[in-house]
PDB file of all heavy atoms in Angstrom:
ATOM      1  N   ALA A   1       0.883  -1.226  -0.019  1.00  0.00           N
ATOM      2  CA  ALA A   1      -0.022   0.014   0.042  1.00  0.00           C
ATOM      3  C   ALA A   1       0.906   1.189   0.003  1.00  0.00           C
ATOM      4  O   ALA A   1       0.719   2.164  -0.801  1.00  0.00           O
ATOM      5  CB  ALA A   1      -0.880  -0.012   1.233  1.00  0.00           C
ATOM      6  N   THR A   2       1.883   1.260   0.696  1.00  0.00           N
ATOM      7  CA  THR A   2       2.765   2.455   0.991  1.00  0.00           C
ATOM      8  C   THR A   2       3.577   2.721  -0.209  1.00  0.00           C
ATOM      9  O   THR A   2       3.951   3.943  -0.585  1.00  0.00           O
ATOM     10  CB  THR A   2       3.602   2.314   2.143  1.00  0.00           C
ATOM     11  OG1 THR A   2       2.882   2.000   3.360  1.00  0.00           O
ATOM     12  CG2 THR A   2       4.367   3.625   2.487  1.00  0.00           C
ATOM     13  N   ARG A   3       3.898   1.750  -1.124  1.00  0.00           N
ATOM     14  CA  ARG A   3       4.828   1.872  -2.267  1.00  0.00           C
ATOM     15  C   ARG A   3       4.088   2.900  -3.228  1.00  0.00           C
ATOM     16  O   ARG A   3       4.894   3.438  -4.081  1.00  0.00           O
ATOM     17  CB  ARG A   3       5.088   0.582  -2.806  1.00  0.00           C
ATOM     18  CG  ARG A   3       4.020  -0.014  -3.675  1.00  0.00           C
ATOM     19  CD  ARG A   3       4.430  -1.326  -4.336  1.00  0.00           C
ATOM     20  NE  ARG A   3       3.470  -1.837  -5.262  1.00  0.00           N
ATOM     21  CZ  ARG A   3       3.426  -1.453  -6.531  1.00  0.00           C
ATOM     22  NH1 ARG A   3       4.287  -0.625  -7.071  1.00  0.00           N
ATOM     23  NH2 ARG A   3       2.451  -1.923  -7.297  1.00  0.00           N
ATOM     24  N   TRP A   4       2.791   3.128  -3.175  1.00  0.00           N
ATOM     25  CA  TRP A   4       2.119   4.111  -4.072  1.00  0.00           C
ATOM     26  C   TRP A   4       2.558   5.452  -3.777  1.00  0.00           C
ATOM     27  O   TRP A   4       2.140   6.347  -4.554  1.00  0.00           O
ATOM     28  CB  TRP A   4       0.659   3.838  -4.052  1.00  0.00           C
ATOM     29  CG  TRP A   4       0.222   2.515  -4.787  1.00  0.00           C
ATOM     30  CD1 TRP A   4       0.096   1.240  -4.075  1.00  0.00           C
ATOM     31  CD2 TRP A   4       0.115   2.286  -6.010  1.00  0.00           C
ATOM     32  NE1 TRP A   4      -0.127   0.300  -5.050  1.00  0.00           N
ATOM     33  CE2 TRP A   4      -0.205   0.867  -6.253  1.00  0.00           C
ATOM     34  CE3 TRP A   4      -0.050   3.290  -7.157  1.00  0.00           C
ATOM     35  CZ2 TRP A   4      -0.567   0.391  -7.572  1.00  0.00           C
ATOM     36  CZ3 TRP A   4      -0.317   2.603  -8.442  1.00  0.00           C
ATOM     37  CH2 TRP A   4      -0.481   1.264  -8.660  1.00  0.00           C
ATOM     38  N   ALA A   5       3.381   5.742  -2.996  1.00  0.00           N
ATOM     39  CA  ALA A   5       3.941   7.105  -2.659  1.00  0.00           C
ATOM     40  C   ALA A   5       5.029   7.331  -3.846  1.00  0.00           C
ATOM     41  O   ALA A   5       5.143   8.499  -4.299  1.00  0.00           O
ATOM     42  CB  ALA A   5       4.665   7.142  -1.365  1.00  0.00           C
ATOM     43  N   ASP A   6       5.488   6.241  -4.389  1.00  0.00           N
ATOM     44  CA  ASP A   6       6.397   6.358  -5.552  1.00  0.00           C
ATOM     45  C   ASP A   6       6.711   4.999  -6.145  1.00  0.00           C
ATOM     46  O   ASP A   6       7.556   4.358  -5.907  1.00  0.00           O
ATOM     47  CB  ASP A   6       7.761   6.939  -5.170  1.00  0.00           C
ATOM     48  CG  ASP A   6       8.704   7.290  -6.186  1.00  0.00           C
ATOM     49  OD1 ASP A   6       8.491   6.807  -7.313  1.00  0.00           O
ATOM     50  OD2 ASP A   6       9.682   8.070  -5.898  1.00  0.00           O
ATOM     51  N   THR A   7       5.731   4.622  -6.989  1.00  0.00           N
ATOM     52  CA  THR A   7       5.883   3.212  -7.593  1.00  0.00           C
ATOM     53  C   THR A   7       7.030   3.096  -8.404  1.00  0.00           C
ATOM     54  O   THR A   7       7.458   1.821  -8.614  1.00  0.00           O
ATOM     55  CB  THR A   7       4.550   2.901  -8.339  1.00  0.00           C
ATOM     56  OG1 THR A   7       4.303   3.850  -9.329  1.00  0.00           O
ATOM     57  CG2 THR A   7       3.399   2.843  -7.359  1.00  0.00           C
ATOM     58  N   ALA A   8       7.597   4.067  -9.045  1.00  0.00           N
ATOM     59  CA  ALA A   8       8.715   3.957  -9.806  1.00  0.00           C
ATOM     60  C   ALA A   8       9.920   3.450  -9.147  1.00  0.00           C
ATOM     61  O   ALA A   8      10.741   2.620  -9.685  1.00  0.00           O
ATOM     62  CB  ALA A   8       9.070   5.298 -10.586  1.00  0.00           C
ATOM     63  N   LYS A   9      10.160   3.993  -7.957  1.00  0.00           N
ATOM     64  CA  LYS A   9      11.171   3.472  -7.080  1.00  0.00           C
ATOM     65  C   LYS A   9      10.850   2.196  -6.306  1.00  0.00           C
ATOM     66  O   LYS A   9      11.824   1.367  -5.992  1.00  0.00           O
ATOM     67  CB  LYS A   9      11.547   4.510  -6.146  1.00  0.00           C
ATOM     68  CG  LYS A   9      12.382   5.806  -6.534  1.00  0.00           C
ATOM     69  CD  LYS A   9      12.577   6.712  -5.366  1.00  0.00           C
ATOM     70  CE  LYS A   9      13.462   7.876  -5.891  1.00  0.00           C
ATOM     71  NZ  LYS A   9      13.845   8.779  -4.745  1.00  0.00           N
ATOM     72  N   TYR A  10       9.646   1.980  -6.132  1.00  0.00           N
ATOM     73  CA  TYR A  10       9.312   0.885  -5.106  1.00  0.00           C
ATOM     74  C   TYR A  10       8.330  -0.045  -5.863  1.00  0.00           C
ATOM     75  O   TYR A  10       7.075   0.099  -5.746  1.00  0.00           O
ATOM     76  CB  TYR A  10       8.695   1.459  -3.808  1.00  0.00           C
ATOM     77  CG  TYR A  10       9.747   2.282  -3.031  1.00  0.00           C
ATOM     78  CD1 TYR A  10       9.626   3.640  -3.212  1.00  0.00           C
ATOM     79  CD2 TYR A  10      10.675   1.711  -2.312  1.00  0.00           C
ATOM     80  CE1 TYR A  10      10.434   4.391  -2.365  1.00  0.00           C
ATOM     81  CE2 TYR A  10      11.581   2.382  -1.588  1.00  0.00           C
ATOM     82  CZ  TYR A  10      11.557   3.823  -1.694  1.00  0.00           C
ATOM     83  OH  TYR A  10      12.447   4.612  -1.033  1.00  0.00           O
ATOM     84  N   PRO A  11       8.790  -0.958  -6.634  1.00  0.00           N
ATOM     85  CA  PRO A  11       7.901  -1.941  -7.393  1.00  0.00           C
ATOM     86  C   PRO A  11       7.360  -2.934  -6.325  1.00  0.00           C
ATOM     87  O   PRO A  11       7.725  -3.169  -5.270  1.00  0.00           O
ATOM     88  CB  PRO A  11       8.786  -2.607  -8.344  1.00  0.00           C
ATOM     89  CG  PRO A  11      10.192  -2.562  -7.732  1.00  0.00           C
ATOM     90  CD  PRO A  11      10.155  -1.177  -6.952  1.00  0.00           C
ATOM     91  N   SER A  12       6.283  -3.656  -6.691  1.00  0.00           N
ATOM     92  CA  SER A  12       5.585  -4.655  -6.048  1.00  0.00           C
ATOM     93  C   SER A  12       6.515  -5.759  -5.618  1.00  0.00           C
ATOM     94  O   SER A  12       7.252  -6.259  -6.457  1.00  0.00           O
ATOM     95  CB  SER A  12       4.448  -5.293  -6.743  1.00  0.00           C
ATOM     96  OG  SER A  12       3.929  -6.228  -6.036  1.00  0.00           O
ATOM     97  N   LEU A  13       6.572  -6.165  -4.392  1.00  0.00           N
ATOM     98  CA  LEU A  13       7.406  -7.325  -3.971  1.00  0.00           C
ATOM     99  C   LEU A  13       6.602  -8.513  -4.087  1.00  0.00           C
ATOM    100  O   LEU A  13       7.105  -9.609  -4.354  1.00  0.00           O
ATOM    101  CB  LEU A  13       7.779  -7.109  -2.473  1.00  0.00           C
ATOM    102  CG  LEU A  13       8.938  -6.021  -2.140  1.00  0.00           C
ATOM    103  CD1 LEU A  13       9.109  -5.881  -0.725  1.00  0.00           C
ATOM    104  CD2 LEU A  13      10.149  -6.389  -2.902  1.00  0.00           C
ATOM    105  N   THR A  14       5.254  -8.511  -3.828  1.00  0.00           N
ATOM    106  CA  THR A  14       4.448  -9.664  -3.832  1.00  0.00           C
ATOM    107  C   THR A  14       4.441 -10.294  -5.290  1.00  0.00           C
ATOM    108  O   THR A  14       4.203 -11.423  -5.450  1.00  0.00           O
ATOM    109  CB  THR A  14       2.920  -9.453  -3.327  1.00  0.00           C
ATOM    110  OG1 THR A  14       2.528  -8.452  -4.021  1.00  0.00           O
ATOM    111  CG2 THR A  14       2.933  -8.903  -1.872  1.00  0.00           C
ATOM    112  N   ALA A  15       4.643  -9.419  -6.291  1.00  0.00           N
ATOM    113  CA  ALA A  15       4.623  -9.926  -7.657  1.00  0.00           C
ATOM    114  C   ALA A  15       5.770 -10.811  -7.848  1.00  0.00           C
ATOM    115  O   ALA A  15       5.865 -11.602  -8.851  1.00  0.00           O
ATOM    116  CB  ALA A  15       4.514  -8.678  -8.615  1.00  0.00           C
ATOM    117  N   ARG A  16       6.825 -10.617  -7.065  1.00  0.00           N
ATOM    118  CA  ARG A  16       8.087 -11.403  -7.242  1.00  0.00           C
ATOM    119  C   ARG A  16       8.148 -12.598  -6.172  1.00  0.00           C
ATOM    120  O   ARG A  16       9.156 -13.303  -6.259  1.00  0.00           O
ATOM    121  CB  ARG A  16       9.235 -10.584  -7.098  1.00  0.00           C
ATOM    122  CG  ARG A  16       9.325  -9.321  -8.047  1.00  0.00           C
ATOM    123  CD  ARG A  16      10.394  -8.390  -7.749  1.00  0.00           C
ATOM    124  NE  ARG A  16      10.422  -7.349  -8.811  1.00  0.00           N
ATOM    125  CZ  ARG A  16      11.139  -6.228  -8.775  1.00  0.00           C
ATOM    126  NH1 ARG A  16      12.030  -5.970  -7.669  1.00  0.00           N
ATOM    127  NH2 ARG A  16      11.206  -5.372  -9.717  1.00  0.00           N
ATOM    128  N   LEU A  17       7.214 -12.756  -5.328  1.00  0.00           N
ATOM    129  CA  LEU A  17       7.142 -13.812  -4.401  1.00  0.00           C
ATOM    130  C   LEU A  17       6.081 -14.907  -4.847  1.00  0.00           C
ATOM    131  O   LEU A  17       5.354 -14.662  -5.861  1.00  0.00           O
ATOM    132  CB  LEU A  17       6.662 -13.172  -3.073  1.00  0.00           C
ATOM    133  CG  LEU A  17       7.707 -12.177  -2.398  1.00  0.00           C
ATOM    134  CD1 LEU A  17       7.130 -11.607  -1.175  1.00  0.00           C
ATOM    135  CD2 LEU A  17       9.097 -12.737  -2.228  1.00  0.00           C
ATOM    136  N   ARG A  18       6.084 -16.039  -4.013  1.00  0.00           N
ATOM    137  CA  ARG A  18       5.261 -17.058  -4.392  1.00  0.00           C
ATOM    138  C   ARG A  18       3.947 -17.026  -3.683  1.00  0.00           C
ATOM    139  O   ARG A  18       3.701 -16.643  -2.640  1.00  0.00           O
ATOM    140  CB  ARG A  18       6.004 -18.332  -3.872  1.00  0.00           C
ATOM    141  CG  ARG A  18       7.391 -18.560  -4.459  1.00  0.00           C
ATOM    142  CD  ARG A  18       8.116 -19.783  -3.898  1.00  0.00           C
ATOM    143  NE  ARG A  18       7.428 -20.989  -4.356  1.00  0.00           N
ATOM    144  CZ  ARG A  18       6.719 -21.827  -3.550  1.00  0.00           C
ATOM    145  NH1 ARG A  18       6.717 -21.570  -2.178  1.00  0.00           N
ATOM    146  NH2 ARG A  18       6.180 -22.988  -3.987  1.00  0.00           N
ATOM    147  N   GLY A  19       2.876 -17.264  -4.678  1.00  0.00           N
ATOM    148  CA  GLY A  19       1.536 -17.552  -4.192  1.00  0.00           C
ATOM    149  C   GLY A  19       0.699 -16.347  -4.082  1.00  0.00           C
ATOM    150  O   GLY A  19      -0.504 -16.474  -3.707  1.00  0.00           O
ATOM    151  N   PHE A  20       1.054 -15.165  -4.439  1.00  0.00           N
ATOM    152  CA  PHE A  20       0.263 -13.976  -4.423  1.00  0.00           C
ATOM    153  C   PHE A  20      -0.480 -13.615  -5.618  1.00  0.00           C
ATOM    154  O   PHE A  20       0.089 -13.769  -6.703  1.00  0.00           O
ATOM    155  CB  PHE A  20       1.083 -12.730  -3.991  1.00  0.00           C
ATOM    156  CG  PHE A  20       1.606 -12.669  -2.576  1.00  0.00           C
ATOM    157  CD1 PHE A  20       2.757 -13.147  -2.248  1.00  0.00           C
ATOM    158  CD2 PHE A  20       0.761 -12.124  -1.569  1.00  0.00           C
ATOM    159  CE1 PHE A  20       3.282 -13.144  -0.912  1.00  0.00           C
ATOM    160  CE2 PHE A  20       1.194 -12.032  -0.247  1.00  0.00           C
ATOM    161  CZ  PHE A  20       2.499 -12.460   0.113  1.00  0.00           C
ATOM    162  N   ASP A  21      -1.744 -13.283  -5.602  1.00  0.00           N
ATOM    163  CA  ASP A  21      -2.414 -12.738  -6.722  1.00  0.00           C
ATOM    164  C   ASP A  21      -2.034 -11.297  -6.854  1.00  0.00           C
ATOM    165  O   ASP A  21      -1.524 -10.702  -6.002  1.00  0.00           O
ATOM    166  CB  ASP A  21      -3.967 -12.856  -6.567  1.00  0.00           C
ATOM    167  CG  ASP A  21      -4.406 -14.190  -6.493  1.00  0.00           C
ATOM    168  OD1 ASP A  21      -3.861 -15.086  -7.222  1.00  0.00           O
ATOM    169  OD2 ASP A  21      -5.432 -14.608  -5.812  1.00  0.00           O
ATOM    170  N   PRO A  22      -2.306 -10.743  -8.046  1.00  0.00           N
ATOM    171  CA  PRO A  22      -2.055  -9.175  -8.308  1.00  0.00           C
ATOM    172  C   PRO A  22      -2.637  -8.370  -7.215  1.00  0.00           C
ATOM    173  O   PRO A  22      -3.767  -8.602  -6.742  1.00  0.00           O
ATOM    174  CB  PRO A  22      -2.498  -8.874  -9.610  1.00  0.00           C
ATOM    175  CG  PRO A  22      -2.384 -10.304 -10.395  1.00  0.00           C
ATOM    176  CD  PRO A  22      -2.812 -11.244  -9.443  1.00  0.00           C
ATOM    177  N   MET A  23      -1.974  -7.366  -6.737  1.00  0.00           N
ATOM    178  CA  MET A  23      -2.415  -6.489  -5.593  1.00  0.00           C
ATOM    179  C   MET A  23      -3.365  -5.441  -6.231  1.00  0.00           C
ATOM    180  O   MET A  23      -3.381  -5.089  -7.426  1.00  0.00           O
ATOM    181  CB  MET A  23      -1.257  -5.659  -4.921  1.00  0.00           C
ATOM    182  CG  MET A  23      -0.464  -6.595  -4.046  1.00  0.00           C
ATOM    183  SD  MET A  23      -1.308  -7.271  -2.668  1.00  0.00           S
ATOM    184  CE  MET A  23      -1.385  -8.951  -2.898  1.00  0.00           C
ATOM    185  N   PRO A  24      -4.350  -4.905  -5.479  1.00  0.00           N
ATOM    186  CA  PRO A  24      -5.318  -3.841  -5.878  1.00  0.00           C
ATOM    187  C   PRO A  24      -4.521  -2.629  -6.293  1.00  0.00           C
ATOM    188  O   PRO A  24      -3.315  -2.403  -5.923  1.00  0.00           O
ATOM    189  CB  PRO A  24      -6.128  -3.669  -4.702  1.00  0.00           C
ATOM    190  CG  PRO A  24      -5.924  -4.800  -3.820  1.00  0.00           C
ATOM    191  CD  PRO A  24      -4.616  -5.209  -4.058  1.00  0.00           C
ATOM    192  N   VAL A  25      -5.159  -1.873  -7.153  1.00  0.00           N
ATOM    193  CA  VAL A  25      -4.653  -0.588  -7.493  1.00  0.00           C
ATOM    194  C   VAL A  25      -5.512   0.539  -7.092  1.00  0.00           C
ATOM    195  O   VAL A  25      -6.753   0.324  -7.305  1.00  0.00           O
ATOM    196  CB  VAL A  25      -4.535  -0.524  -9.263  1.00  0.00           C
ATOM    197  CG1 VAL A  25      -4.027   0.847  -9.700  1.00  0.00           C
ATOM    198  CG2 VAL A  25      -3.530  -1.641  -9.739  1.00  0.00           C
ATOM    199  N   PRO A  26      -4.997   1.602  -6.583  1.00  0.00           N
ATOM    200  CA  PRO A  26      -5.867   2.665  -5.988  1.00  0.00           C
ATOM    201  C   PRO A  26      -6.710   3.424  -7.130  1.00  0.00           C
ATOM    202  O   PRO A  26      -6.162   3.508  -8.280  1.00  0.00           O
ATOM    203  CB  PRO A  26      -4.929   3.609  -5.383  1.00  0.00           C
ATOM    204  CG  PRO A  26      -3.550   3.449  -5.955  1.00  0.00           C
ATOM    205  CD  PRO A  26      -3.525   1.966  -6.364  1.00  0.00           C
ATOM    206  N   SER A  27      -7.829   3.759  -6.909  1.00  0.00           N
ATOM    207  CA  SER A  27      -8.737   4.322  -7.912  1.00  0.00           C
ATOM    208  C   SER A  27      -8.343   5.806  -8.113  1.00  0.00           C
ATOM    209  O   SER A  27      -8.813   6.495  -9.040  1.00  0.00           O
ATOM    210  CB  SER A  27     -10.172   4.309  -7.445  1.00  0.00           C
ATOM    211  OG  SER A  27     -10.452   4.913  -6.185  1.00  0.00           O
ATOM    212  N   THR A  28      -7.513   6.453  -7.243  1.00  0.00           N
ATOM    213  CA  THR A  28      -7.157   7.727  -7.317  1.00  0.00           C
ATOM    214  C   THR A  28      -5.783   7.918  -6.752  1.00  0.00           C
ATOM    215  O   THR A  28      -5.257   7.052  -6.141  1.00  0.00           O
ATOM    216  CB  THR A  28      -8.103   8.691  -6.540  1.00  0.00           C
ATOM    217  OG1 THR A  28      -7.788  10.079  -6.792  1.00  0.00           O
ATOM    218  CG2 THR A  28      -8.059   8.393  -4.996  1.00  0.00           C
ATOM    219  N   ASP A  29      -5.098   9.050  -6.996  1.00  0.00           N
ATOM    220  CA  ASP A  29      -3.833   9.354  -6.405  1.00  0.00           C
ATOM    221  C   ASP A  29      -3.747   9.315  -4.901  1.00  0.00           C
ATOM    222  O   ASP A  29      -4.547  10.234  -4.359  1.00  0.00           O
ATOM    223  CB  ASP A  29      -3.178  10.591  -6.957  1.00  0.00           C
ATOM    224  CG  ASP A  29      -1.860  11.001  -6.551  1.00  0.00           C
ATOM    225  OD1 ASP A  29      -1.239  10.006  -6.005  1.00  0.00           O
ATOM    226  OD2 ASP A  29      -1.433  12.118  -6.583  1.00  0.00           O
ATOM    227  N   ILE A  30      -3.031   8.490  -4.319  1.00  0.00           N
ATOM    228  CA  ILE A  30      -2.983   8.499  -2.819  1.00  0.00           C
ATOM    229  C   ILE A  30      -1.653   8.619  -2.356  1.00  0.00           C
ATOM    230  O   ILE A  30      -1.258   8.376  -1.122  1.00  0.00           O
ATOM    231  CB  ILE A  30      -3.553   7.079  -2.203  1.00  0.00           C
ATOM    232  CG1 ILE A  30      -2.608   6.041  -2.678  1.00  0.00           C
ATOM    233  CG2 ILE A  30      -4.979   6.885  -2.547  1.00  0.00           C
ATOM    234  CD1 ILE A  30      -2.717   4.797  -1.854  1.00  0.00           C
ATOM    235  N   SER A  31      -0.799   9.227  -3.208  1.00  0.00           N
ATOM    236  CA  SER A  31       0.656   9.346  -2.873  1.00  0.00           C
ATOM    237  C   SER A  31       0.918  10.304  -1.531  1.00  0.00           C
ATOM    238  O   SER A  31       1.887  10.041  -0.884  1.00  0.00           O
ATOM    239  CB  SER A  31       1.398  10.012  -3.947  1.00  0.00           C
ATOM    240  OG  SER A  31       0.871  11.367  -4.375  1.00  0.00           O
ATOM    241  N   LYS A  32       0.090  11.163  -1.310  1.00  0.00           N
ATOM    242  CA  LYS A  32       0.184  12.066  -0.117  1.00  0.00           C
ATOM    243  C   LYS A  32      -0.487  11.433   1.105  1.00  0.00           C
ATOM    244  O   LYS A  32      -0.305  11.879   2.295  1.00  0.00           O
ATOM    245  CB  LYS A  32      -0.555  13.299  -0.436  1.00  0.00           C
ATOM    246  CG  LYS A  32       0.002  14.178  -1.541  1.00  0.00           C
ATOM    247  CD  LYS A  32       1.561  14.568  -1.321  1.00  0.00           C
ATOM    248  CE  LYS A  32       1.956  15.351  -2.451  1.00  0.00           C
ATOM    249  NZ  LYS A  32       3.528  15.630  -2.222  1.00  0.00           N
ATOM    250  N   ALA A  33      -1.014  10.140   0.816  1.00  0.00           N
ATOM    251  CA  ALA A  33      -1.617   9.466   1.993  1.00  0.00           C
ATOM    252  C   ALA A  33      -1.170   8.009   1.966  1.00  0.00           C
ATOM    253  O   ALA A  33      -1.880   7.152   2.608  1.00  0.00           O
ATOM    254  CB  ALA A  33      -3.149   9.719   2.024  1.00  0.00           C
ATOM    255  N   ALA A  34      -0.085   7.669   1.390  1.00  0.00           N
ATOM    256  CA  ALA A  34       0.214   6.317   1.172  1.00  0.00           C
ATOM    257  C   ALA A  34       0.661   5.614   2.583  1.00  0.00           C
ATOM    258  O   ALA A  34       0.361   4.526   2.673  1.00  0.00           O
ATOM    259  CB  ALA A  34       1.501   6.294   0.196  1.00  0.00           C
ATOM    260  N   ALA A  35       1.266   6.362   3.429  1.00  0.00           N
ATOM    261  CA  ALA A  35       1.772   5.861   4.703  1.00  0.00           C
ATOM    262  C   ALA A  35       0.370   5.508   5.448  1.00  0.00           C
ATOM    263  O   ALA A  35       0.302   4.348   6.289  1.00  0.00           O
ATOM    264  CB  ALA A  35       2.400   6.685   5.506  1.00  0.00           C
ATOM    265  N   LEU A  36      -0.626   6.147   5.396  1.00  0.00           N
ATOM    266  CA  LEU A  36      -1.793   5.893   6.049  1.00  0.00           C
ATOM    267  C   LEU A  36      -2.509   4.638   5.465  1.00  0.00           C
ATOM    268  O   LEU A  36      -2.987   3.749   6.225  1.00  0.00           O
ATOM    269  CB  LEU A  36      -2.910   7.126   5.923  1.00  0.00           C
ATOM    270  CG  LEU A  36      -4.194   6.840   6.465  1.00  0.00           C
ATOM    271  CD1 LEU A  36      -4.194   6.535   7.988  1.00  0.00           C
ATOM    272  CD2 LEU A  36      -5.210   8.049   6.212  1.00  0.00           C
ATOM    273  N   ALA A  37      -2.495   4.536   4.088  1.00  0.00           N
ATOM    274  CA  ALA A  37      -2.923   3.313   3.517  1.00  0.00           C
ATOM    275  C   ALA A  37      -2.194   2.109   3.987  1.00  0.00           C
ATOM    276  O   ALA A  37      -2.763   1.046   4.232  1.00  0.00           O
ATOM    277  CB  ALA A  37      -2.814   3.412   1.901  1.00  0.00           C
ATOM    278  N   GLY A  38      -0.761   2.267   4.234  1.00  0.00           N
ATOM    279  CA  GLY A  38       0.036   1.198   4.656  1.00  0.00           C
ATOM    280  C   GLY A  38      -0.366   0.663   6.084  1.00  0.00           C
ATOM    281  O   GLY A  38      -0.434  -0.396   6.392  1.00  0.00           O
ATOM    282  N   PHE A  39      -0.572   1.744   6.795  1.00  0.00           N
ATOM    283  CA  PHE A  39      -0.913   1.434   8.307  1.00  0.00           C
ATOM    284  C   PHE A  39      -2.284   0.776   8.299  1.00  0.00           C
ATOM    285  O   PHE A  39      -2.454  -0.269   9.000  1.00  0.00           O
ATOM    286  CB  PHE A  39      -1.167   2.867   8.962  1.00  0.00           C
ATOM    287  CG  PHE A  39      -1.558   2.690  10.452  1.00  0.00           C
ATOM    288  CD1 PHE A  39      -0.755   2.440  11.437  1.00  0.00           C
ATOM    289  CD2 PHE A  39      -2.977   2.752  10.655  1.00  0.00           C
ATOM    290  CE1 PHE A  39      -1.166   2.375  12.755  1.00  0.00           C
ATOM    291  CE2 PHE A  39      -3.396   2.558  11.968  1.00  0.00           C
ATOM    292  CZ  PHE A  39      -2.651   2.295  12.993  1.00  0.00           C
ATOM    293  N   LYS A  40      -3.254   1.193   7.460  1.00  0.00           N
ATOM    294  CA  LYS A  40      -4.497   0.369   7.471  1.00  0.00           C
ATOM    295  C   LYS A  40      -4.364  -0.981   6.926  1.00  0.00           C
ATOM    296  O   LYS A  40      -5.036  -1.832   7.452  1.00  0.00           O
ATOM    297  CB  LYS A  40      -5.512   1.342   6.569  1.00  0.00           C
ATOM    298  CG  LYS A  40      -6.863   0.681   6.437  1.00  0.00           C
ATOM    299  CD  LYS A  40      -7.541   0.594   7.760  1.00  0.00           C
ATOM    300  CE  LYS A  40      -9.023   0.219   7.742  1.00  0.00           C
ATOM    301  NZ  LYS A  40      -9.728   0.137   8.943  1.00  0.00           N
ATOM    302  N   ALA A  41      -3.536  -1.177   5.819  1.00  0.00           N
ATOM    303  CA  ALA A  41      -3.273  -2.404   5.346  1.00  0.00           C
ATOM    304  C   ALA A  41      -2.644  -3.363   6.341  1.00  0.00           C
ATOM    305  O   ALA A  41      -3.030  -4.548   6.553  1.00  0.00           O
ATOM    306  CB  ALA A  41      -2.405  -2.446   4.148  1.00  0.00           C
ATOM    307  N   MET A  42      -1.724  -2.850   7.042  1.00  0.00           N
ATOM    308  CA  MET A  42      -0.978  -3.556   8.130  1.00  0.00           C
ATOM    309  C   MET A  42      -2.049  -4.078   9.194  1.00  0.00           C
ATOM    310  O   MET A  42      -1.912  -5.151   9.601  1.00  0.00           O
ATOM    311  CB  MET A  42      -0.008  -2.734   8.821  1.00  0.00           C
ATOM    312  CG  MET A  42       0.715  -3.401   9.987  1.00  0.00           C
ATOM    313  SD  MET A  42       2.002  -2.280  10.798  1.00  0.00           S
ATOM    314  CE  MET A  42       3.289  -2.238   9.644  1.00  0.00           C
ATOM    315  N   PHE A  43      -2.877  -3.164   9.611  1.00  0.00           N
ATOM    316  CA  PHE A  43      -3.858  -3.416  10.766  1.00  0.00           C
ATOM    317  C   PHE A  43      -4.972  -4.444  10.286  1.00  0.00           C
ATOM    318  O   PHE A  43      -5.541  -5.057  11.015  1.00  0.00           O
ATOM    319  CB  PHE A  43      -4.444  -2.240  11.442  1.00  0.00           C
ATOM    320  CG  PHE A  43      -3.548  -1.743  12.551  1.00  0.00           C
ATOM    321  CD1 PHE A  43      -2.121  -1.783  12.300  1.00  0.00           C
ATOM    322  CD2 PHE A  43      -4.017  -1.457  13.727  1.00  0.00           C
ATOM    323  CE1 PHE A  43      -1.342  -1.220  13.421  1.00  0.00           C
ATOM    324  CE2 PHE A  43      -3.197  -0.934  14.801  1.00  0.00           C
ATOM    325  CZ  PHE A  43      -1.969  -0.910  14.624  1.00  0.00           C
TER     326      PHE A  43
END
């Protein structure tokens, strides 16, 4: 979730790991609130 602050620098890790389906994509720009998205995902 947090990598959407800068996806060019931070590509998906789950896409390179075993057993994960593609992750969701945000419907709007959340770069200014990506840490909050990450916190919510974590919890």
